[in-house]
């Protein structure tokens, strides 16, 4: 007899449901998040289990890794692509787990990507770097605003990062403003040290794989952004077409139309927010350093706004990088606006 298991996973507990080939429930139980207990419950069914579906939540690593290490065939369910039966009046953890098991039984389970375990720590370290960069940027913007309000001048990001206590004292005679700006400058300096430390560790631990080396030929992409793209994208072959990759990078607008009329938006957060950030960063660098990209950006900004324009450039970056990684070719400027 063939059996199929589904696990509805939460922060501190999960619900396990097992069905047979006729969708008959042969086991169901809620338990705390403890791998040893989960393995002991599954053990009597091991020989007949065709697979175990785990819902892709923020905390799936421990469960998926543990099940795979003990020889189970694990499938990571993509919850954004799963639809329940319409008209249900009551849905709970039990029904969710059974539904996952039945999707696997029917062969229609939308699956997520199980990112290789050995590469996750470095990827998570780069994600921590991103968090620190965002914090630093917020402090830089705060100081720029205070300078503009108090002195009527504009200070660049690099000028803010280069400020020392003496310069701050010369700019701000009022003690409260001085303290506010000095505190921000100290935080910026501290975060900069941590960011550089993370970058040094990452560069010393991981190198661009061969299929990703030519991503550095893309305008605006340096070593750290290249490593971020590589570690977030994973196996580029999992994206059958450029549109799939662009959508995963959150570069595709989420809309729903019926009879050519808007019917709301889809899930705008569906995709990888870290890749979305990487391509926006690459777009900013490319606009600053490459005239052809700058001209395209300003044309877009004139017809819409800067946010739309920067997203348009990042969309071009994502599409171009897909072909560069898939075909392992260098960036071709003549094809920039044909991607």
C-alpha atoms as a PDB file:
ATOM      1  CA  UNK A   1       0.000   0.000   0.000  1.00  0.00           C
ATOM      2  CA  UNK A   2       1.284   3.466  -0.932  1.00  0.00           C
ATOM      3  CA  UNK A   3       1.076   6.223   1.650  1.00  0.00           C
ATOM      4  CA  UNK A   4       1.513   9.987   1.415  1.00  0.00           C
ATOM      5  CA  UNK A   5       2.278  12.327   4.317  1.00  0.00           C
ATOM      6  CA  UNK A   6       1.635  16.045   4.707  1.00  0.00           C
ATOM      7  CA  UNK A   7       2.941  18.304   7.470  1.00  0.00           C
ATOM      8  CA  UNK A   8       1.398  21.671   8.298  1.00  0.00           C
ATOM      9  CA  UNK A   9       4.287  23.451  10.021  1.00  0.00           C
ATOM     10  CA  UNK A  10       4.084  26.281  12.580  1.00  0.00           C
ATOM     11  CA  UNK A  11       6.533  28.110  14.837  1.00  0.00           C
ATOM     12  CA  UNK A  12       6.341  25.662  17.763  1.00  0.00           C
ATOM     13  CA  UNK A  13       4.215  22.778  16.500  1.00  0.00           C
ATOM     14  CA  UNK A  14       3.179  20.875  13.385  1.00  0.00           C
ATOM     15  CA  UNK A  15       0.314  18.674  12.274  1.00  0.00           C
ATOM     16  CA  UNK A  16       1.039  15.380  10.490  1.00  0.00           C
ATOM     17  CA  UNK A  17      -1.526  13.706   8.242  1.00  0.00           C
ATOM     18  CA  UNK A  18      -1.068  10.484   6.245  1.00  0.00           C
ATOM     19  CA  UNK A  19      -3.406   9.213   3.508  1.00  0.00           C
ATOM     20  CA  UNK A  20      -3.471   6.082   1.352  1.00  0.00           C
ATOM     21  CA  UNK A  21      -4.049   5.730  -2.408  1.00  0.00           C
ATOM     22  CA  UNK A  22      -7.810   6.175  -1.985  1.00  0.00           C
ATOM     23  CA  UNK A  23      -7.358   9.359   0.089  1.00  0.00           C
ATOM     24  CA  UNK A  24      -8.352   7.536   3.251  1.00  0.00           C
ATOM     25  CA  UNK A  25      -6.751   9.067   6.333  1.00  0.00           C
ATOM     26  CA  UNK A  26      -4.644   6.414   8.055  1.00  0.00           C
ATOM     27  CA  UNK A  27      -2.977   8.705  10.591  1.00  0.00           C
ATOM     28  CA  UNK A  28      -3.337  12.240  11.934  1.00  0.00           C
ATOM     29  CA  UNK A  29      -1.738  13.879  14.910  1.00  0.00           C
ATOM     30  CA  UNK A  30      -0.532  17.253  16.204  1.00  0.00           C
ATOM     31  CA  UNK A  31       2.853  17.420  17.906  1.00  0.00           C
ATOM     32  CA  UNK A  32       5.441  19.881  19.151  1.00  0.00           C
ATOM     33  CA  UNK A  33       8.437  20.726  16.974  1.00  0.00           C
ATOM     34  CA  UNK A  34      10.743  17.909  17.983  1.00  0.00           C
ATOM     35  CA  UNK A  35      12.512  15.972  15.226  1.00  0.00           C
ATOM     36  CA  UNK A  36      13.001  12.867  17.370  1.00  0.00           C
ATOM     37  CA  UNK A  37       9.269  12.597  18.072  1.00  0.00           C
ATOM     38  CA  UNK A  38       8.357  13.212  14.430  1.00  0.00           C
ATOM     39  CA  UNK A  39      10.752  10.491  13.270  1.00  0.00           C
ATOM     40  CA  UNK A  40       9.361   8.018  15.804  1.00  0.00           C
ATOM     41  CA  UNK A  41       5.799   8.682  14.614  1.00  0.00           C
ATOM     42  CA  UNK A  42       6.759   8.246  10.941  1.00  0.00           C
ATOM     43  CA  UNK A  43       8.883   5.129  11.458  1.00  0.00           C
ATOM     44  CA  UNK A  44       5.988   2.561  11.342  1.00  0.00           C
ATOM     45  CA  UNK A  45       4.961   3.940   7.933  1.00  0.00           C
ATOM     46  CA  UNK A  46       8.459   4.325   6.455  1.00  0.00           C
ATOM     47  CA  UNK A  47       8.415   1.384   4.045  1.00  0.00           C
ATOM     48  CA  UNK A  48       5.123   2.460   2.465  1.00  0.00           C
ATOM     49  CA  UNK A  49       5.642   6.225   2.402  1.00  0.00           C
ATOM     50  CA  UNK A  50       6.048   7.584  -1.124  1.00  0.00           C
ATOM     51  CA  UNK A  51       6.927  11.024   0.165  1.00  0.00           C
ATOM     52  CA  UNK A  52       6.514  13.618   2.901  1.00  0.00           C
ATOM     53  CA  UNK A  53       5.289  17.131   2.086  1.00  0.00           C
ATOM     54  CA  UNK A  54       6.427  19.966   4.338  1.00  0.00           C
ATOM     55  CA  UNK A  55       4.854  23.381   4.025  1.00  0.00           C
ATOM     56  CA  UNK A  56       7.430  26.034   3.120  1.00  0.00           C
ATOM     57  CA  UNK A  57       7.372  28.324   6.152  1.00  0.00           C
ATOM     58  CA  UNK A  58      10.058  30.538   7.670  1.00  0.00           C
ATOM     59  CA  UNK A  59      11.333  27.640   9.835  1.00  0.00           C
ATOM     60  CA  UNK A  60      11.406  24.628   7.517  1.00  0.00           C
ATOM     61  CA  UNK A  61      15.190  24.004   7.594  1.00  0.00           C
ATOM     62  CA  UNK A  62      15.326  21.796  10.694  1.00  0.00           C
ATOM     63  CA  UNK A  63      12.441  19.562   9.665  1.00  0.00           C
ATOM     64  CA  UNK A  64      13.282  19.114   5.986  1.00  0.00           C
ATOM     65  CA  UNK A  65      16.980  18.532   6.699  1.00  0.00           C
ATOM     66  CA  UNK A  66      16.213  16.073   9.483  1.00  0.00           C
ATOM     67  CA  UNK A  67      13.778  14.057   7.389  1.00  0.00           C
ATOM     68  CA  UNK A  68      16.134  13.947   4.400  1.00  0.00           C
ATOM     69  CA  UNK A  69      19.082  12.901   6.548  1.00  0.00           C
ATOM     70  CA  UNK A  70      17.006   9.960   7.786  1.00  0.00           C
ATOM     71  CA  UNK A  71      16.202   8.788   4.277  1.00  0.00           C
ATOM     72  CA  UNK A  72      12.732  10.211   3.665  1.00  0.00           C
ATOM     73  CA  UNK A  73      11.744  11.592   0.272  1.00  0.00           C
ATOM     74  CA  UNK A  74      10.806  15.171   1.132  1.00  0.00           C
ATOM     75  CA  UNK A  75       8.851  17.694  -0.927  1.00  0.00           C
ATOM     76  CA  UNK A  76       8.730  21.381  -0.011  1.00  0.00           C
ATOM     77  CA  UNK A  77       5.272  22.771  -0.774  1.00  0.00           C
ATOM     78  CA  UNK A  78       4.936  26.268  -2.221  1.00  0.00           C
ATOM     79  CA  UNK A  79       1.994  27.707  -0.235  1.00  0.00           C
ATOM     80  CA  UNK A  80       1.602  30.713  -2.559  1.00  0.00           C
ATOM     81  CA  UNK A  81       0.677  28.371  -5.422  1.00  0.00           C
ATOM     82  CA  UNK A  82      -1.643  26.067  -3.469  1.00  0.00           C
ATOM     83  CA  UNK A  83      -5.401  26.525  -3.594  1.00  0.00           C
ATOM     84  CA  UNK A  84      -7.899  24.947  -1.240  1.00  0.00           C
ATOM     85  CA  UNK A  85     -11.284  23.687  -2.309  1.00  0.00           C
ATOM     86  CA  UNK A  86     -13.598  26.665  -2.709  1.00  0.00           C
ATOM     87  CA  UNK A  87     -16.661  26.757  -0.470  1.00  0.00           C
ATOM     88  CA  UNK A  88     -15.051  25.211   2.591  1.00  0.00           C
ATOM     89  CA  UNK A  89     -16.554  26.683   5.745  1.00  0.00           C
ATOM     90  CA  UNK A  90     -13.989  25.285   8.131  1.00  0.00           C
ATOM     91  CA  UNK A  91     -10.256  24.882   7.552  1.00  0.00           C
ATOM     92  CA  UNK A  92      -7.759  23.900  10.232  1.00  0.00           C
ATOM     93  CA  UNK A  93      -4.315  22.339  10.592  1.00  0.00           C
ATOM     94  CA  UNK A  94      -5.659  18.826  10.109  1.00  0.00           C
ATOM     95  CA  UNK A  95      -7.313  19.656   6.794  1.00  0.00           C
ATOM     96  CA  UNK A  96      -4.242  21.573   5.628  1.00  0.00           C
ATOM     97  CA  UNK A  97      -1.960  18.608   6.330  1.00  0.00           C
ATOM     98  CA  UNK A  98      -4.321  16.134   4.629  1.00  0.00           C
ATOM     99  CA  UNK A  99      -4.667  18.487   1.662  1.00  0.00           C
ATOM    100  CA  UNK A 100      -0.871  18.601   1.231  1.00  0.00           C
ATOM    101  CA  UNK A 101      -0.717  14.808   1.326  1.00  0.00           C
ATOM    102  CA  UNK A 102      -3.471  14.537  -1.282  1.00  0.00           C
ATOM    103  CA  UNK A 103      -1.770  17.005  -3.611  1.00  0.00           C
ATOM    104  CA  UNK A 104       1.297  14.771  -3.531  1.00  0.00           C
ATOM    105  CA  UNK A 105      -0.860  11.681  -4.079  1.00  0.00           C
ATOM    106  CA  UNK A 106      -2.490  13.270  -7.137  1.00  0.00           C
ATOM    107  CA  UNK A 107       0.843  14.473  -8.533  1.00  0.00           C
ATOM    108  CA  UNK A 108      -0.226  18.138  -8.593  1.00  0.00           C
ATOM    109  CA  UNK A 109       1.796  19.518  -5.681  1.00  0.00           C
ATOM    110  CA  UNK A 110       3.347  22.952  -6.426  1.00  0.00           C
ATOM    111  CA  UNK A 111       6.863  22.497  -5.069  1.00  0.00           C
ATOM    112  CA  UNK A 112       9.374  24.956  -3.710  1.00  0.00           C
ATOM    113  CA  UNK A 113      13.152  24.755  -4.036  1.00  0.00           C
ATOM    114  CA  UNK A 114      15.068  22.959  -1.286  1.00  0.00           C
ATOM    115  CA  UNK A 115      18.167  25.107  -1.162  1.00  0.00           C
ATOM    116  CA  UNK A 116      21.385  23.106  -0.556  1.00  0.00           C
ATOM    117  CA  UNK A 117      22.073  22.911   3.170  1.00  0.00           C
ATOM    118  CA  UNK A 118      25.809  23.554   2.903  1.00  0.00           C
ATOM    119  CA  UNK A 119      25.310  26.922   1.179  1.00  0.00           C
ATOM    120  CA  UNK A 120      22.608  28.326   3.474  1.00  0.00           C
ATOM    121  CA  UNK A 121      24.918  29.671   6.246  1.00  0.00           C
ATOM    122  CA  UNK A 122      26.870  31.904   3.838  1.00  0.00           C
ATOM    123  CA  UNK A 123      23.666  33.021   2.152  1.00  0.00           C
ATOM    124  CA  UNK A 124      22.187  33.916   5.555  1.00  0.00           C
ATOM    125  CA  UNK A 125      25.365  35.833   6.420  1.00  0.00           C
ATOM    126  CA  UNK A 126      24.941  37.919   3.264  1.00  0.00           C
ATOM    127  CA  UNK A 127      21.325  38.503   4.258  1.00  0.00           C
ATOM    128  CA  UNK A 128      22.551  39.825   7.596  1.00  0.00           C
ATOM    129  CA  UNK A 129      24.871  42.151   5.661  1.00  0.00           C
ATOM    130  CA  UNK A 130      21.849  43.434   3.734  1.00  0.00           C
ATOM    131  CA  UNK A 131      20.049  44.159   6.996  1.00  0.00           C
ATOM    132  CA  UNK A 132      23.054  46.133   8.265  1.00  0.00           C
ATOM    133  CA  UNK A 133      23.337  48.040   4.981  1.00  0.00           C
ATOM    134  CA  UNK A 134      19.692  49.061   5.258  1.00  0.00           C
ATOM    135  CA  UNK A 135      20.181  50.227   8.828  1.00  0.00           C
ATOM    136  CA  UNK A 136      23.209  52.244   7.781  1.00  0.00           C
ATOM    137  CA  UNK A 137      21.289  53.789   4.907  1.00  0.00           C
ATOM    138  CA  UNK A 138      18.498  54.882   7.239  1.00  0.00           C
ATOM    139  CA  UNK A 139      21.015  56.691   9.465  1.00  0.00           C
ATOM    140  CA  UNK A 140      22.673  58.314   6.448  1.00  0.00           C
ATOM    141  CA  UNK A 141      19.316  59.595   5.210  1.00  0.00           C
ATOM    142  CA  UNK A 142      18.501  60.913   8.677  1.00  0.00           C
ATOM    143  CA  UNK A 143      21.723  62.925   8.817  1.00  0.00           C
ATOM    144  CA  UNK A 144      21.225  64.199   5.269  1.00  0.00           C
ATOM    145  CA  UNK A 145      17.783  65.461   6.274  1.00  0.00           C
ATOM    146  CA  UNK A 146      19.113  67.207   9.372  1.00  0.00           C
ATOM    147  CA  UNK A 147      21.892  68.853   7.345  1.00  0.00           C
ATOM    148  CA  UNK A 148      19.421  70.004   4.717  1.00  0.00           C
ATOM    149  CA  UNK A 149      16.919  71.361   7.262  1.00  0.00           C
ATOM    150  CA  UNK A 150      19.485  73.084   9.452  1.00  0.00           C
ATOM    151  CA  UNK A 151      22.091  74.289   6.952  1.00  0.00           C
ATOM    152  CA  UNK A 152      20.236  74.423   3.648  1.00  0.00           C
ATOM    153  CA  UNK A 153      22.860  72.346   1.837  1.00  0.00           C
ATOM    154  CA  UNK A 154      22.930  68.836   0.422  1.00  0.00           C
ATOM    155  CA  UNK A 155      25.461  66.308   1.664  1.00  0.00           C
ATOM    156  CA  UNK A 156      26.205  63.135  -0.307  1.00  0.00           C
ATOM    157  CA  UNK A 157      26.221  59.675   1.241  1.00  0.00           C
ATOM    158  CA  UNK A 158      30.007  59.455   0.977  1.00  0.00           C
ATOM    159  CA  UNK A 159      30.366  62.841   2.674  1.00  0.00           C
ATOM    160  CA  UNK A 160      28.154  61.686   5.535  1.00  0.00           C
ATOM    161  CA  UNK A 161      30.149  58.467   5.929  1.00  0.00           C
ATOM    162  CA  UNK A 162      33.358  60.502   6.027  1.00  0.00           C
ATOM    163  CA  UNK A 163      32.303  62.834   8.838  1.00  0.00           C
ATOM    164  CA  UNK A 164      34.283  62.854  12.070  1.00  0.00           C
ATOM    165  CA  UNK A 165      33.414  64.396  15.441  1.00  0.00           C
ATOM    166  CA  UNK A 166      35.319  67.605  14.785  1.00  0.00           C
ATOM    167  CA  UNK A 167      33.517  68.194  11.483  1.00  0.00           C
ATOM    168  CA  UNK A 168      30.159  67.543  13.131  1.00  0.00           C
ATOM    169  CA  UNK A 169      31.016  70.055  15.882  1.00  0.00           C
ATOM    170  CA  UNK A 170      31.909  72.677  13.282  1.00  0.00           C
ATOM    171  CA  UNK A 171      28.648  72.132  11.402  1.00  0.00           C
ATOM    172  CA  UNK A 172      26.290  71.985  14.391  1.00  0.00           C
ATOM    173  CA  UNK A 173      26.855  74.449  17.209  1.00  0.00           C
ATOM    174  CA  UNK A 174      23.557  73.654  18.940  1.00  0.00           C
ATOM    175  CA  UNK A 175      24.262  70.876  21.471  1.00  0.00           C
ATOM    176  CA  UNK A 176      21.167  68.771  20.804  1.00  0.00           C
ATOM    177  CA  UNK A 177      21.657  68.723  17.043  1.00  0.00           C
ATOM    178  CA  UNK A 178      25.341  67.980  17.557  1.00  0.00           C
ATOM    179  CA  UNK A 179      24.489  64.992  19.758  1.00  0.00           C
ATOM    180  CA  UNK A 180      21.899  63.694  17.274  1.00  0.00           C
ATOM    181  CA  UNK A 181      24.276  63.893  14.306  1.00  0.00           C
ATOM    182  CA  UNK A 182      27.294  62.581  16.227  1.00  0.00           C
ATOM    183  CA  UNK A 183      25.271  59.571  17.420  1.00  0.00           C
ATOM    184  CA  UNK A 184      24.245  58.827  13.848  1.00  0.00           C
ATOM    185  CA  UNK A 185      27.814  59.160  12.577  1.00  0.00           C
ATOM    186  CA  UNK A 186      29.078  56.758  15.249  1.00  0.00           C
ATOM    187  CA  UNK A 187      26.407  54.196  14.349  1.00  0.00           C
ATOM    188  CA  UNK A 188      27.229  54.545  10.624  1.00  0.00           C
ATOM    189  CA  UNK A 189      30.924  53.982  11.330  1.00  0.00           C
ATOM    190  CA  UNK A 190      30.199  50.933  13.507  1.00  0.00           C
ATOM    191  CA  UNK A 191      27.849  49.399  10.941  1.00  0.00           C
ATOM    192  CA  UNK A 192      30.417  50.028   8.211  1.00  0.00           C
ATOM    193  CA  UNK A 193      32.999  48.025  10.157  1.00  0.00           C
ATOM    194  CA  UNK A 194      30.589  45.124  10.598  1.00  0.00           C
ATOM    195  CA  UNK A 195      29.601  45.198   6.921  1.00  0.00           C
ATOM    196  CA  UNK A 196      33.227  45.136   5.786  1.00  0.00           C
ATOM    197  CA  UNK A 197      33.943  42.304   8.212  1.00  0.00           C
ATOM    198  CA  UNK A 198      31.126  40.207   6.787  1.00  0.00           C
ATOM    199  CA  UNK A 199      32.275  40.915   3.231  1.00  0.00           C
ATOM    200  CA  UNK A 200      35.816  39.789   4.081  1.00  0.00           C
ATOM    201  CA  UNK A 201      34.589  36.527   5.584  1.00  0.00           C
ATOM    202  CA  UNK A 202      32.241  35.803   2.660  1.00  0.00           C
ATOM    203  CA  UNK A 203      34.905  36.513   0.025  1.00  0.00           C
ATOM    204  CA  UNK A 204      37.327  34.245   1.853  1.00  0.00           C
ATOM    205  CA  UNK A 205      34.834  31.404   2.130  1.00  0.00           C
ATOM    206  CA  UNK A 206      32.992  31.250  -1.189  1.00  0.00           C
ATOM    207  CA  UNK A 207      33.823  32.028  -4.809  1.00  0.00           C
ATOM    208  CA  UNK A 208      31.595  32.540  -7.800  1.00  0.00           C
ATOM    209  CA  UNK A 209      30.826  29.233  -9.457  1.00  0.00           C
ATOM    210  CA  UNK A 210      31.789  28.908 -13.101  1.00  0.00           C
ATOM    211  CA  UNK A 211      28.267  29.466 -14.396  1.00  0.00           C
ATOM    212  CA  UNK A 212      28.045  32.719 -12.428  1.00  0.00           C
ATOM    213  CA  UNK A 213      31.467  34.214 -13.169  1.00  0.00           C
ATOM    214  CA  UNK A 214      30.305  36.257 -16.152  1.00  0.00           C
ATOM    215  CA  UNK A 215      27.640  37.984 -14.049  1.00  0.00           C
ATOM    216  CA  UNK A 216      30.413  40.416 -13.100  1.00  0.00           C
ATOM    217  CA  UNK A 217      30.357  41.745 -16.678  1.00  0.00           C
ATOM    218  CA  UNK A 218      26.860  43.113 -16.059  1.00  0.00           C
ATOM    219  CA  UNK A 219      27.015  46.876 -15.346  1.00  0.00           C
ATOM    220  CA  UNK A 220      26.458  47.605 -11.681  1.00  0.00           C
ATOM    221  CA  UNK A 221      27.265  44.104 -10.400  1.00  0.00           C
ATOM    222  CA  UNK A 222      30.390  43.752  -8.260  1.00  0.00           C
ATOM    223  CA  UNK A 223      31.786  40.846  -6.272  1.00  0.00           C
ATOM    224  CA  UNK A 224      29.376  41.055  -3.319  1.00  0.00           C
ATOM    225  CA  UNK A 225      26.274  41.575  -5.472  1.00  0.00           C
ATOM    226  CA  UNK A 226      27.458  38.749  -7.734  1.00  0.00           C
ATOM    227  CA  UNK A 227      27.783  36.405  -4.761  1.00  0.00           C
ATOM    228  CA  UNK A 228      24.373  37.532  -3.483  1.00  0.00           C
ATOM    229  CA  UNK A 229      22.756  36.758  -6.844  1.00  0.00           C
ATOM    230  CA  UNK A 230      24.497  33.375  -7.037  1.00  0.00           C
ATOM    231  CA  UNK A 231      23.545  32.311  -3.512  1.00  0.00           C
ATOM    232  CA  UNK A 232      19.952  33.541  -3.780  1.00  0.00           C
ATOM    233  CA  UNK A 233      19.258  32.198  -7.285  1.00  0.00           C
ATOM    234  CA  UNK A 234      20.687  28.748  -6.622  1.00  0.00           C
ATOM    235  CA  UNK A 235      20.505  26.480  -9.672  1.00  0.00           C
ATOM    236  CA  UNK A 236      19.563  28.741 -12.594  1.00  0.00           C
ATOM    237  CA  UNK A 237      18.231  25.694 -14.462  1.00  0.00           C
ATOM    238  CA  UNK A 238      15.230  25.604 -12.136  1.00  0.00           C
ATOM    239  CA  UNK A 239      13.835  28.613 -14.018  1.00  0.00           C
ATOM    240  CA  UNK A 240      12.525  27.360 -17.390  1.00  0.00           C
ATOM    241  CA  UNK A 241      12.227  30.863 -18.915  1.00  0.00           C
ATOM    242  CA  UNK A 242      13.431  34.396 -18.316  1.00  0.00           C
ATOM    243  CA  UNK A 243       9.949  35.464 -17.199  1.00  0.00           C
ATOM    244  CA  UNK A 244      10.007  32.913 -14.385  1.00  0.00           C
ATOM    245  CA  UNK A 245      13.303  34.294 -13.126  1.00  0.00           C
ATOM    246  CA  UNK A 246      12.182  37.928 -13.421  1.00  0.00           C
ATOM    247  CA  UNK A 247       9.022  37.077 -11.491  1.00  0.00           C
ATOM    248  CA  UNK A 248      11.063  35.333  -8.788  1.00  0.00           C
ATOM    249  CA  UNK A 249      13.146  38.522  -8.516  1.00  0.00           C
ATOM    250  CA  UNK A 250       9.921  40.524  -7.946  1.00  0.00           C
ATOM    251  CA  UNK A 251      10.558  42.474 -11.139  1.00  0.00           C
ATOM    252  CA  UNK A 252       7.183  41.636 -12.678  1.00  0.00           C
ATOM    253  CA  UNK A 253       4.071  43.611 -11.789  1.00  0.00           C
ATOM    254  CA  UNK A 254       1.384  41.663  -9.968  1.00  0.00           C
ATOM    255  CA  UNK A 255      -2.026  42.291 -11.535  1.00  0.00           C
ATOM    256  CA  UNK A 256      -5.280  40.431 -12.117  1.00  0.00           C
ATOM    257  CA  UNK A 257      -7.472  41.277 -15.090  1.00  0.00           C
ATOM    258  CA  UNK A 258     -10.911  40.117 -16.175  1.00  0.00           C
ATOM    259  CA  UNK A 259     -12.416  41.351 -19.431  1.00  0.00           C
ATOM    260  CA  UNK A 260      -9.491  43.804 -19.597  1.00  0.00           C
ATOM    261  CA  UNK A 261     -10.527  45.292 -16.256  1.00  0.00           C
ATOM    262  CA  UNK A 262      -8.389  45.221 -13.103  1.00  0.00           C
ATOM    263  CA  UNK A 263      -9.618  42.779 -10.467  1.00  0.00           C
ATOM    264  CA  UNK A 264      -7.115  43.567  -7.751  1.00  0.00           C
ATOM    265  CA  UNK A 265      -3.521  42.532  -7.325  1.00  0.00           C
ATOM    266  CA  UNK A 266      -1.852  39.192  -6.851  1.00  0.00           C
ATOM    267  CA  UNK A 267       0.779  38.422  -4.235  1.00  0.00           C
ATOM    268  CA  UNK A 268       3.328  41.206  -4.713  1.00  0.00           C
ATOM    269  CA  UNK A 269       5.590  39.648  -2.087  1.00  0.00           C
ATOM    270  CA  UNK A 270       5.780  36.339  -3.908  1.00  0.00           C
ATOM    271  CA  UNK A 271       9.404  35.813  -4.856  1.00  0.00           C
ATOM    272  CA  UNK A 272      12.817  36.529  -3.408  1.00  0.00           C
ATOM    273  CA  UNK A 273      13.127  39.923  -1.713  1.00  0.00           C
ATOM    274  CA  UNK A 274      16.911  39.631  -1.497  1.00  0.00           C
ATOM    275  CA  UNK A 275      17.280  39.209  -5.248  1.00  0.00           C
ATOM    276  CA  UNK A 276      14.896  42.124  -5.720  1.00  0.00           C
ATOM    277  CA  UNK A 277      17.167  44.250  -3.536  1.00  0.00           C
ATOM    278  CA  UNK A 278      20.311  43.071  -5.352  1.00  0.00           C
ATOM    279  CA  UNK A 279      18.989  44.124  -8.753  1.00  0.00           C
ATOM    280  CA  UNK A 280      17.773  47.486  -7.453  1.00  0.00           C
ATOM    281  CA  UNK A 281      21.265  48.075  -6.031  1.00  0.00           C
ATOM    282  CA  UNK A 282      22.813  47.047  -9.349  1.00  0.00           C
ATOM    283  CA  UNK A 283      20.453  49.454 -11.122  1.00  0.00           C
ATOM    284  CA  UNK A 284      21.580  52.364  -8.919  1.00  0.00           C
ATOM    285  CA  UNK A 285      25.249  51.637  -9.619  1.00  0.00           C
ATOM    286  CA  UNK A 286      24.625  51.219 -13.361  1.00  0.00           C
ATOM    287  CA  UNK A 287      22.696  54.511 -13.584  1.00  0.00           C
ATOM    288  CA  UNK A 288      25.578  56.289 -11.886  1.00  0.00           C
ATOM    289  CA  UNK A 289      28.391  54.781 -13.970  1.00  0.00           C
ATOM    290  CA  UNK A 290      26.973  53.864 -17.392  1.00  0.00           C
ATOM    291  CA  UNK A 291      25.554  56.583 -19.729  1.00  0.00           C
ATOM    292  CA  UNK A 292      23.279  54.262 -21.744  1.00  0.00           C
ATOM    293  CA  UNK A 293      21.613  53.013 -18.562  1.00  0.00           C
ATOM    294  CA  UNK A 294      21.367  56.555 -17.196  1.00  0.00           C
ATOM    295  CA  UNK A 295      19.622  57.796 -20.350  1.00  0.00           C
ATOM    296  CA  UNK A 296      17.091  54.955 -20.212  1.00  0.00           C
ATOM    297  CA  UNK A 297      16.416  55.655 -16.524  1.00  0.00           C
ATOM    298  CA  UNK A 298      15.830  59.381 -17.041  1.00  0.00           C
ATOM    299  CA  UNK A 299      13.469  58.745 -19.970  1.00  0.00           C
ATOM    300  CA  UNK A 300      11.452  56.404 -17.785  1.00  0.00           C
ATOM    301  CA  UNK A 301      11.497  58.802 -14.838  1.00  0.00           C
ATOM    302  CA  UNK A 302      10.270  61.671 -17.016  1.00  0.00           C
ATOM    303  CA  UNK A 303       7.283  59.638 -18.199  1.00  0.00           C
ATOM    304  CA  UNK A 304       6.422  58.120 -14.832  1.00  0.00           C
ATOM    305  CA  UNK A 305       8.426  58.564 -11.623  1.00  0.00           C
ATOM    306  CA  UNK A 306      11.769  57.573 -10.151  1.00  0.00           C
ATOM    307  CA  UNK A 307      10.453  54.479  -8.380  1.00  0.00           C
ATOM    308  CA  UNK A 308       8.934  53.084 -11.572  1.00  0.00           C
ATOM    309  CA  UNK A 309      12.092  53.992 -13.484  1.00  0.00           C
ATOM    310  CA  UNK A 310      14.456  52.257 -11.077  1.00  0.00           C
ATOM    311  CA  UNK A 311      12.265  49.132 -11.116  1.00  0.00           C
ATOM    312  CA  UNK A 312      12.331  49.181 -14.927  1.00  0.00           C
ATOM    313  CA  UNK A 313      16.130  49.273 -14.894  1.00  0.00           C
ATOM    314  CA  UNK A 314      16.319  46.496 -12.303  1.00  0.00           C
ATOM    315  CA  UNK A 315      13.954  44.427 -14.470  1.00  0.00           C
ATOM    316  CA  UNK A 316      16.390  44.828 -17.375  1.00  0.00           C
ATOM    317  CA  UNK A 317      19.263  43.811 -15.055  1.00  0.00           C
ATOM    318  CA  UNK A 318      17.437  40.655 -13.949  1.00  0.00           C
ATOM    319  CA  UNK A 319      16.528  39.582 -17.486  1.00  0.00           C
ATOM    320  CA  UNK A 320      20.038  40.224 -18.789  1.00  0.00           C
ATOM    321  CA  UNK A 321      21.623  38.286 -15.928  1.00  0.00           C
ATOM    322  CA  UNK A 322      19.354  35.305 -16.581  1.00  0.00           C
ATOM    323  CA  UNK A 323      20.743  34.891 -20.097  1.00  0.00           C
ATOM    324  CA  UNK A 324      24.290  35.551 -18.897  1.00  0.00           C
ATOM    325  CA  UNK A 325      24.015  32.814 -16.264  1.00  0.00           C
ATOM    326  CA  UNK A 326      22.035  30.355 -18.369  1.00  0.00           C
ATOM    327  CA  UNK A 327      24.201  30.629 -21.482  1.00  0.00           C
ATOM    328  CA  UNK A 328      27.444  31.556 -19.665  1.00  0.00           C
ATOM    329  CA  UNK A 329      28.114  34.515 -21.938  1.00  0.00           C
ATOM    330  CA  UNK A 330      29.389  38.008 -21.228  1.00  0.00           C
ATOM    331  CA  UNK A 331      27.102  41.002 -21.078  1.00  0.00           C
ATOM    332  CA  UNK A 332      26.435  42.526 -24.513  1.00  0.00           C
ATOM    333  CA  UNK A 333      25.582  46.278 -24.324  1.00  0.00           C
ATOM    334  CA  UNK A 334      23.949  46.160 -27.773  1.00  0.00           C
ATOM    335  CA  UNK A 335      21.277  43.827 -26.357  1.00  0.00           C
ATOM    336  CA  UNK A 336      20.628  45.871 -23.202  1.00  0.00           C
ATOM    337  CA  UNK A 337      17.108  46.973 -24.122  1.00  0.00           C
ATOM    338  CA  UNK A 338      16.202  43.782 -25.983  1.00  0.00           C
ATOM    339  CA  UNK A 339      16.346  41.539 -22.905  1.00  0.00           C
END
